[in-house]
N, C-alpha and C. Protein backbone atom coordinates (compact mmCIF):
# COMPACT_ATOMS: atom_id res chain seq x y z
N MET A 1 -10.41 -15.01 -12.64
CA MET A 1 -9.60 -13.60 -12.53
C MET A 1 -8.50 -13.89 -11.36
N SER A 2 -7.43 -13.63 -11.69
CA SER A 2 -6.21 -13.60 -10.62
C SER A 2 -6.26 -12.62 -9.58
N ALA A 3 -5.65 -13.33 -8.53
CA ALA A 3 -5.67 -12.46 -7.46
C ALA A 3 -5.16 -11.02 -7.54
N ARG A 4 -5.88 -9.95 -6.80
CA ARG A 4 -4.99 -8.54 -6.94
C ARG A 4 -3.65 -9.06 -6.08
N ARG A 5 -2.92 -7.82 -6.50
CA ARG A 5 -1.10 -8.07 -5.90
C ARG A 5 -0.96 -6.78 -5.23
N VAL A 6 -0.62 -7.16 -3.98
CA VAL A 6 -0.07 -6.16 -2.88
C VAL A 6 1.48 -6.33 -2.71
N LEU A 7 2.54 -5.17 -2.78
CA LEU A 7 3.82 -5.31 -2.63
C LEU A 7 3.98 -4.79 -0.99
N ILE A 8 4.69 -5.40 -0.22
CA ILE A 8 4.72 -5.31 1.17
C ILE A 8 6.20 -4.61 1.21
N ALA A 9 6.73 -3.50 1.39
CA ALA A 9 7.99 -3.00 1.56
C ALA A 9 8.58 -2.56 2.84
N ASP A 10 9.43 -3.21 3.54
CA ASP A 10 9.44 -2.83 4.83
C ASP A 10 10.88 -3.88 5.23
N ASP A 11 11.91 -3.03 5.70
CA ASP A 11 13.08 -3.60 5.99
C ASP A 11 13.24 -4.42 7.21
N ASN A 12 11.93 -4.34 7.95
CA ASN A 12 11.86 -5.30 9.46
C ASN A 12 11.08 -6.60 8.94
N GLU A 13 11.93 -7.64 8.78
CA GLU A 13 11.60 -8.79 8.58
C GLU A 13 10.33 -9.04 9.30
N HIS A 14 10.28 -9.28 10.75
CA HIS A 14 8.88 -9.56 11.51
C HIS A 14 7.67 -8.92 10.65
N ASN A 15 7.83 -7.13 10.54
CA ASN A 15 6.88 -6.45 10.08
C ASN A 15 6.21 -7.07 8.41
N ARG A 16 7.35 -7.57 7.79
CA ARG A 16 7.11 -8.04 6.35
C ARG A 16 6.49 -9.40 6.56
N GLU A 17 6.62 -10.36 7.41
CA GLU A 17 6.06 -11.46 7.59
C GLU A 17 4.85 -11.36 8.29
N TYR A 18 4.65 -10.52 9.20
CA TYR A 18 3.08 -10.28 9.79
C TYR A 18 2.34 -9.68 8.85
N ALA A 19 2.76 -8.95 7.92
CA ALA A 19 1.45 -8.32 6.97
C ALA A 19 1.63 -9.40 5.96
N ARG A 20 2.31 -10.17 5.52
CA ARG A 20 2.23 -11.21 4.54
C ARG A 20 1.36 -12.26 4.89
N GLN A 21 1.47 -12.66 6.09
CA GLN A 21 0.36 -13.70 6.99
C GLN A 21 -0.79 -13.06 6.78
N VAL A 22 -1.01 -12.02 7.21
CA VAL A 22 -2.38 -11.17 7.33
C VAL A 22 -2.75 -11.10 5.67
N LEU A 23 -2.34 -11.14 4.84
CA LEU A 23 -2.77 -10.67 3.46
C LEU A 23 -2.82 -11.79 2.35
N VAL A 24 -2.11 -13.04 2.80
CA VAL A 24 -1.58 -14.07 1.52
C VAL A 24 -2.97 -14.93 1.39
N ASP A 25 -3.66 -14.85 2.36
CA ASP A 25 -5.03 -15.98 1.82
C ASP A 25 -5.87 -15.14 0.94
N ALA A 26 -6.06 -13.84 0.95
CA ALA A 26 -6.75 -12.81 0.21
C ALA A 26 -6.26 -12.24 -0.91
N TRP A 27 -4.79 -12.07 -1.19
CA TRP A 27 -4.04 -11.40 -2.14
C TRP A 27 -2.97 -11.89 -2.39
N ALA A 28 -2.44 -11.92 -3.71
CA ALA A 28 -1.16 -12.24 -3.85
C ALA A 28 0.08 -11.14 -3.37
N VAL A 29 1.07 -11.87 -2.59
CA VAL A 29 1.62 -10.73 -1.91
C VAL A 29 3.09 -10.72 -2.61
N LEU A 30 3.88 -9.56 -2.72
CA LEU A 30 5.06 -9.67 -3.05
C LEU A 30 5.96 -8.78 -2.00
N VAL A 31 6.89 -9.31 -1.37
CA VAL A 31 7.76 -8.30 -0.56
C VAL A 31 9.01 -7.93 -0.95
N ALA A 32 9.32 -6.65 -0.39
CA ALA A 32 10.66 -6.30 -0.75
C ALA A 32 11.28 -5.64 0.85
N GLY A 33 12.67 -6.04 0.87
CA GLY A 33 13.20 -5.68 2.10
C GLY A 33 14.00 -4.22 2.37
N GLU A 34 13.83 -3.38 1.11
CA GLU A 34 14.67 -2.30 1.38
C GLU A 34 13.81 -1.44 0.04
N GLY A 35 14.05 -0.25 0.06
CA GLY A 35 13.37 0.74 -0.97
C GLY A 35 14.04 0.38 -2.45
N GLN A 36 15.16 0.45 -2.69
CA GLN A 36 15.55 -0.11 -4.16
C GLN A 36 14.64 -1.39 -4.78
N GLU A 37 14.91 -2.19 -3.80
CA GLU A 37 14.16 -3.36 -4.43
C GLU A 37 12.67 -3.35 -4.43
N ALA A 38 12.06 -2.61 -3.63
CA ALA A 38 10.36 -2.28 -3.58
C ALA A 38 10.41 -1.28 -5.23
N LEU A 39 11.23 -0.25 -5.29
CA LEU A 39 11.04 0.52 -6.37
C LEU A 39 11.15 -0.35 -7.83
N GLU A 40 12.15 -1.07 -7.73
CA GLU A 40 12.68 -2.46 -9.21
C GLU A 40 11.36 -3.26 -9.17
N LEU A 41 10.60 -3.79 -7.92
CA LEU A 41 9.87 -4.66 -7.99
C LEU A 41 8.26 -4.05 -8.28
N ALA A 42 8.11 -2.84 -8.31
CA ALA A 42 6.78 -2.08 -8.19
C ALA A 42 6.96 -1.78 -10.03
N ARG A 43 8.22 -1.27 -10.31
CA ARG A 43 8.15 -1.12 -11.67
C ARG A 43 8.12 -2.35 -12.43
N ARG A 44 8.67 -3.63 -12.22
CA ARG A 44 8.51 -4.83 -12.90
C ARG A 44 7.13 -5.50 -12.80
N GLU A 45 6.80 -5.69 -11.71
CA GLU A 45 5.61 -6.32 -11.43
C GLU A 45 4.16 -5.54 -11.50
N ARG A 46 4.31 -4.40 -11.40
CA ARG A 46 2.80 -3.23 -11.65
C ARG A 46 2.18 -4.09 -10.49
N PRO A 47 2.08 -3.79 -9.22
CA PRO A 47 1.31 -4.37 -8.17
C PRO A 47 0.07 -3.70 -8.22
N ASP A 48 -0.99 -4.08 -7.68
CA ASP A 48 -2.19 -3.16 -7.60
C ASP A 48 -2.31 -2.31 -6.32
N LEU A 49 -0.98 -2.52 -5.37
CA LEU A 49 -1.18 -1.80 -4.07
C LEU A 49 0.23 -1.77 -3.40
N VAL A 50 0.81 -0.62 -3.31
CA VAL A 50 2.02 -1.08 -2.47
C VAL A 50 2.00 -0.42 -1.25
N LEU A 51 2.42 -1.46 -0.04
CA LEU A 51 2.26 -0.59 1.43
C LEU A 51 3.88 -0.15 1.52
N LEU A 52 4.38 0.76 1.67
CA LEU A 52 5.47 1.17 1.87
C LEU A 52 6.03 1.83 3.42
N ASP A 53 7.02 1.07 3.98
CA ASP A 53 7.55 1.68 5.25
C ASP A 53 8.46 2.86 4.62
N LEU A 54 8.38 4.03 5.63
CA LEU A 54 8.89 5.32 5.39
C LEU A 54 10.31 5.17 5.76
N SER A 55 10.88 4.42 6.76
CA SER A 55 12.20 4.49 7.06
C SER A 55 12.79 3.36 6.37
N MET A 56 13.11 2.96 5.39
CA MET A 56 13.93 1.92 4.72
C MET A 56 15.55 2.37 4.45
N PRO A 57 16.30 1.16 4.33
CA PRO A 57 17.66 1.54 3.76
C PRO A 57 17.64 1.62 2.26
N VAL A 58 18.57 2.07 1.67
CA VAL A 58 19.12 2.24 0.27
C VAL A 58 18.46 3.40 -0.04
N LEU A 59 16.91 3.26 -0.39
CA LEU A 59 15.88 4.46 -0.82
C LEU A 59 14.68 4.15 0.75
N ASN A 60 14.86 5.60 1.13
CA ASN A 60 13.41 5.40 2.03
C ASN A 60 12.20 5.55 1.29
N GLY A 61 10.97 5.23 1.79
CA GLY A 61 9.76 5.20 1.52
C GLY A 61 9.50 6.55 0.79
N TRP A 62 9.86 7.73 1.15
CA TRP A 62 9.33 8.96 0.58
C TRP A 62 10.18 9.01 -0.52
N GLU A 63 11.17 8.53 -1.08
CA GLU A 63 11.93 8.76 -2.07
C GLU A 63 11.34 7.58 -3.21
N VAL A 64 11.05 6.33 -2.65
CA VAL A 64 10.50 5.42 -3.96
C VAL A 64 9.05 6.07 -3.78
N ALA A 65 8.14 6.52 -2.96
CA ALA A 65 6.90 7.13 -3.67
C ALA A 65 7.06 8.29 -4.54
N ARG A 66 8.11 9.12 -4.27
CA ARG A 66 8.38 10.22 -5.35
C ARG A 66 8.62 9.52 -6.82
N GLN A 67 9.44 8.56 -6.67
CA GLN A 67 9.97 8.07 -8.03
C GLN A 67 8.79 7.52 -8.67
N LEU A 68 8.14 6.53 -8.02
CA LEU A 68 6.88 5.77 -8.55
C LEU A 68 6.05 6.84 -9.12
N LYS A 69 5.50 7.91 -8.39
CA LYS A 69 4.53 8.77 -8.77
C LYS A 69 5.12 9.91 -9.61
N SER A 70 6.07 9.57 -10.10
CA SER A 70 6.84 10.88 -11.34
C SER A 70 7.04 10.00 -12.40
N ASP A 71 6.55 8.56 -12.38
CA ASP A 71 7.09 7.51 -13.53
C ASP A 71 5.69 7.45 -14.07
N PRO A 72 5.23 7.98 -15.25
CA PRO A 72 3.86 7.41 -15.81
C PRO A 72 3.25 6.23 -15.75
N ALA A 73 4.18 5.19 -15.90
CA ALA A 73 4.03 3.63 -15.93
C ALA A 73 3.68 3.46 -14.48
N THR A 74 3.89 4.09 -13.16
CA THR A 74 3.46 3.66 -12.14
C THR A 74 2.92 4.37 -11.22
N ALA A 75 2.62 5.60 -12.07
CA ALA A 75 2.12 6.86 -10.87
C ALA A 75 0.47 6.34 -10.40
N GLY A 76 -0.22 5.43 -11.38
CA GLY A 76 -1.69 4.90 -10.89
C GLY A 76 -1.66 4.13 -9.97
N ILE A 77 -0.73 3.81 -9.19
CA ILE A 77 -0.60 2.41 -8.27
C ILE A 77 -0.56 3.12 -6.99
N PRO A 78 -1.87 2.77 -6.24
CA PRO A 78 -1.88 3.28 -5.00
C PRO A 78 -0.90 2.95 -4.09
N LEU A 79 -0.13 3.93 -3.28
CA LEU A 79 0.69 3.76 -2.39
C LEU A 79 0.27 4.00 -1.05
N VAL A 80 0.54 3.41 0.09
CA VAL A 80 0.22 3.49 1.40
C VAL A 80 1.31 3.65 2.26
N ALA A 81 1.58 4.80 3.00
CA ALA A 81 2.92 4.92 3.77
C ALA A 81 2.63 4.37 5.26
N CYS A 82 3.51 3.51 5.56
CA CYS A 82 3.23 2.55 6.89
C CYS A 82 4.69 3.14 7.70
N THR A 83 3.97 3.48 8.93
CA THR A 83 5.22 3.78 9.68
C THR A 83 4.98 3.83 11.01
N ALA A 84 6.11 3.37 11.74
CA ALA A 84 5.92 3.48 13.09
C ALA A 84 6.40 4.76 14.00
N HIS A 85 6.96 5.53 13.17
CA HIS A 85 7.48 6.71 13.60
C HIS A 85 6.44 7.77 13.33
N ALA A 86 5.08 7.73 13.55
CA ALA A 86 3.93 8.34 13.35
C ALA A 86 4.16 9.68 14.55
N MET A 87 4.53 10.86 13.46
CA MET A 87 4.68 12.17 14.21
C MET A 87 3.32 13.10 13.82
N ALA A 88 3.11 14.19 14.76
CA ALA A 88 2.27 15.14 14.35
C ALA A 88 2.32 15.66 12.95
N GLY A 89 1.53 15.61 12.04
CA GLY A 89 1.89 16.18 10.62
C GLY A 89 1.94 15.22 9.64
N ASP A 90 2.63 13.96 9.97
CA ASP A 90 3.17 12.80 9.07
C ASP A 90 2.14 12.43 7.92
N ARG A 91 0.72 12.16 8.49
CA ARG A 91 -0.20 11.70 7.42
C ARG A 91 -0.31 12.87 6.47
N GLU A 92 -0.71 13.98 6.93
CA GLU A 92 -1.12 15.28 5.76
C GLU A 92 0.49 15.16 4.89
N ARG A 93 1.60 15.03 5.39
CA ARG A 93 2.94 15.21 4.78
C ARG A 93 2.97 13.94 3.66
N ALA A 94 2.29 13.06 3.98
CA ALA A 94 2.65 12.06 3.33
C ALA A 94 1.56 11.97 1.94
N LEU A 95 0.38 12.37 2.52
CA LEU A 95 -0.60 12.73 1.26
C LEU A 95 -0.38 13.48 0.64
N ALA A 96 0.27 14.68 0.98
CA ALA A 96 0.85 15.75 0.13
C ALA A 96 1.98 15.09 -0.67
N THR A 97 2.81 14.17 -0.32
CA THR A 97 3.84 13.92 -1.06
C THR A 97 3.31 12.92 -2.37
N GLY A 98 2.43 12.33 -2.06
CA GLY A 98 1.70 11.70 -3.32
C GLY A 98 1.23 10.29 -2.58
N PHE A 99 1.48 10.11 -1.19
CA PHE A 99 0.71 8.49 -0.97
C PHE A 99 -0.45 8.78 -0.85
N ASP A 100 -1.14 7.66 -1.21
CA ASP A 100 -2.73 7.44 -1.22
C ASP A 100 -3.50 7.18 -0.14
N GLY A 101 -2.56 6.76 1.02
CA GLY A 101 -3.17 6.34 2.38
C GLY A 101 -2.11 6.18 3.29
N TYR A 102 -2.35 6.06 4.67
CA TYR A 102 -1.40 6.20 5.67
C TYR A 102 -2.04 5.26 6.81
N LEU A 103 -0.82 4.33 7.16
CA LEU A 103 -1.36 3.43 8.00
C LEU A 103 -0.52 3.59 9.15
N ALA A 104 -0.76 3.86 10.58
CA ALA A 104 0.16 3.87 11.60
C ALA A 104 0.66 2.67 12.07
N LYS A 105 1.92 2.22 12.32
CA LYS A 105 2.24 0.85 13.06
C LYS A 105 2.30 1.41 14.67
N PRO A 106 2.08 0.24 15.31
CA PRO A 106 1.74 -1.05 15.40
C PRO A 106 0.14 -1.08 14.73
N TYR A 107 -0.26 -1.93 13.96
CA TYR A 107 -1.60 -2.01 13.46
C TYR A 107 -2.39 -3.38 13.77
N ARG A 108 -3.37 -3.82 13.44
CA ARG A 108 -4.08 -4.91 14.34
C ARG A 108 -4.10 -5.67 12.81
N PRO A 109 -4.54 -7.09 12.69
CA PRO A 109 -4.70 -7.57 11.19
C PRO A 109 -5.78 -6.98 10.57
N HIS A 110 -6.84 -6.61 11.28
CA HIS A 110 -8.22 -5.88 10.76
C HIS A 110 -8.03 -4.73 10.21
N GLU A 111 -7.10 -3.97 10.65
CA GLU A 111 -6.83 -2.54 10.45
C GLU A 111 -6.02 -2.78 8.92
N LEU A 112 -5.00 -3.38 8.98
CA LEU A 112 -4.37 -3.92 7.69
C LEU A 112 -5.55 -4.21 6.69
N VAL A 113 -6.23 -5.17 6.72
CA VAL A 113 -7.19 -5.67 5.97
C VAL A 113 -8.06 -4.58 5.53
N ALA A 114 -8.58 -3.88 6.43
CA ALA A 114 -9.38 -2.74 6.18
C ALA A 114 -8.90 -1.73 5.07
N CYS A 115 -7.34 -1.44 5.31
CA CYS A 115 -6.63 -0.58 4.45
C CYS A 115 -6.85 -1.29 2.88
N VAL A 116 -6.53 -2.32 3.03
CA VAL A 116 -6.12 -3.02 1.59
C VAL A 116 -7.67 -3.06 0.82
N GLU A 117 -8.57 -3.72 1.67
CA GLU A 117 -9.75 -3.37 1.18
C GLU A 117 -10.13 -2.09 0.60
N SER A 118 -9.98 -1.09 1.34
CA SER A 118 -10.37 0.36 0.75
C SER A 118 -9.64 0.80 -0.58
N PHE A 119 -8.57 0.01 -0.91
CA PHE A 119 -8.14 0.31 -2.41
C PHE A 119 -8.59 -0.73 -3.29
N LEU A 120 -8.68 -2.12 -2.68
CA LEU A 120 -8.76 -3.09 -3.50
C LEU A 120 -10.14 -3.98 -3.80
N GLY A 121 -10.93 -3.51 -2.76
CA GLY A 121 -12.40 -4.25 -2.84
C GLY A 121 -12.05 -5.36 -1.37
N PRO A 122 -13.30 -5.60 -1.16
CA PRO A 122 -13.48 -6.78 -0.22
C PRO A 122 -12.84 -8.12 -0.67
N ALA A 123 -12.07 -8.78 0.19
CA ALA A 123 -11.69 -10.04 0.03
C ALA A 123 -12.27 -10.97 1.08
N ALA A 124 -12.27 -12.22 0.71
CA ALA A 124 -13.10 -13.18 1.76
C ALA A 124 -11.84 -13.81 1.91
N PRO A 125 -11.79 -14.24 3.41
CA PRO A 125 -10.69 -14.75 4.12
C PRO A 125 -10.72 -16.37 3.81
N ALA A 126 -9.64 -17.17 3.53
CA ALA A 126 -9.55 -18.36 3.22
C ALA A 126 -10.64 -19.17 4.31
N GLY A 127 -10.20 -19.10 5.46
CA GLY A 127 -10.81 -20.06 6.57
C GLY A 127 -11.88 -19.70 6.98
N GLY A 128 -12.68 -18.16 7.00
CA GLY A 128 -13.70 -17.68 7.58
C GLY A 128 -13.65 -18.05 9.31
N GLY A 129 -14.59 -17.39 9.85
CA GLY A 129 -14.68 -17.65 11.48
C GLY A 129 -14.23 -16.41 11.90
N ASP A 130 -14.29 -16.38 13.17
CA ASP A 130 -14.03 -15.40 14.05
C ASP A 130 -12.34 -14.77 13.93
N ASP A 131 -11.35 -15.82 13.94
CA ASP A 131 -10.01 -15.57 13.99
C ASP A 131 -9.55 -15.64 12.41
N GLU A 132 -10.39 -15.11 11.45
CA GLU A 132 -10.12 -15.38 10.28
C GLU A 132 -8.92 -14.76 9.42
N TRP A 133 -8.41 -13.41 10.70
CA TRP A 133 -7.22 -12.78 10.04
C TRP A 133 -6.08 -13.04 11.11
N ALA A 134 -6.23 -14.17 11.96
CA ALA A 134 -5.23 -14.78 12.96
C ALA A 134 -3.67 -14.69 12.30
N VAL A 135 -2.97 -14.33 13.01
CA VAL A 135 -1.45 -14.53 12.73
C VAL A 135 -0.72 -15.44 13.47
N ASP A 136 0.40 -16.20 12.97
CA ASP A 136 0.87 -17.40 13.46
C ASP A 136 2.29 -16.76 14.23
N GLU A 137 1.96 -16.35 15.41
CA GLU A 137 3.09 -15.49 15.92
C GLU A 137 4.43 -16.54 16.06
N SER A 138 4.45 -17.45 16.18
CA SER A 138 5.52 -18.57 16.13
C SER A 138 6.36 -18.64 14.88
N ARG A 139 5.76 -18.26 14.01
CA ARG A 139 6.54 -18.15 12.59
C ARG A 139 7.04 -16.78 12.41
N LEU A 140 6.82 -15.67 13.24
CA LEU A 140 7.64 -14.59 13.36
C LEU A 140 9.01 -14.55 13.97
N HIS A 141 9.70 -13.94 13.32
CA HIS A 141 10.92 -13.95 14.16
C HIS A 141 11.84 -12.63 13.75
N ASP A 142 12.53 -11.99 14.99
CA ASP A 142 13.19 -10.69 14.27
C ASP A 142 14.59 -10.67 15.12
N SER A 143 15.80 -10.37 14.65
CA SER A 143 16.68 -9.77 15.76
C SER A 143 16.43 -8.36 16.86
N ARG A 144 15.31 -7.93 16.34
CA ARG A 144 14.89 -7.20 16.83
C ARG A 144 14.09 -7.17 18.02
N GLU A 145 14.34 -7.66 19.39
CA GLU A 145 13.21 -7.91 20.09
C GLU A 145 12.47 -7.03 20.54
N GLY A 146 11.09 -7.34 20.55
CA GLY A 146 10.30 -6.21 21.20
C GLY A 146 9.65 -5.55 20.32
N GLU A 147 10.09 -5.53 19.03
CA GLU A 147 9.54 -4.45 17.73
C GLU A 147 8.51 -5.07 17.45
N ALA A 148 7.23 -4.33 17.20
CA ALA A 148 5.91 -4.82 16.63
C ALA A 148 5.69 -4.17 15.42
N PRO A 149 5.17 -4.81 14.28
CA PRO A 149 4.77 -4.09 13.32
C PRO A 149 3.52 -2.73 13.56
């Protein structure tokens, strides 16, 4: 059986790499750096789950979600809204818009894994042990210092 596929769509390189590192040992990971790219990848690759940043250039996450959910070919793909701009009512708005889940940033590795597992089922980490979901911070870099996923 091939690995379930997760599309991570976030314009912040640090956030994309952080999520990729957390998930790559258990799932096949696709990445997109802006909304139009995410939309095209989702339509072409049909991932099993899409994690969408809400504030992206070209097309924001809200618009990507609207287009994916209105297309019968992609309407069944679960979408999780991921945002650092968590305001009162955003979760409810996201779910009402068609998102299937909501994950506020910053999140810890185990929170991201739990979110993905809630849609795709449990995944065993490659290494096991207490730091099974550790992120190699030395490989993360971004021009926007101080921003965390």
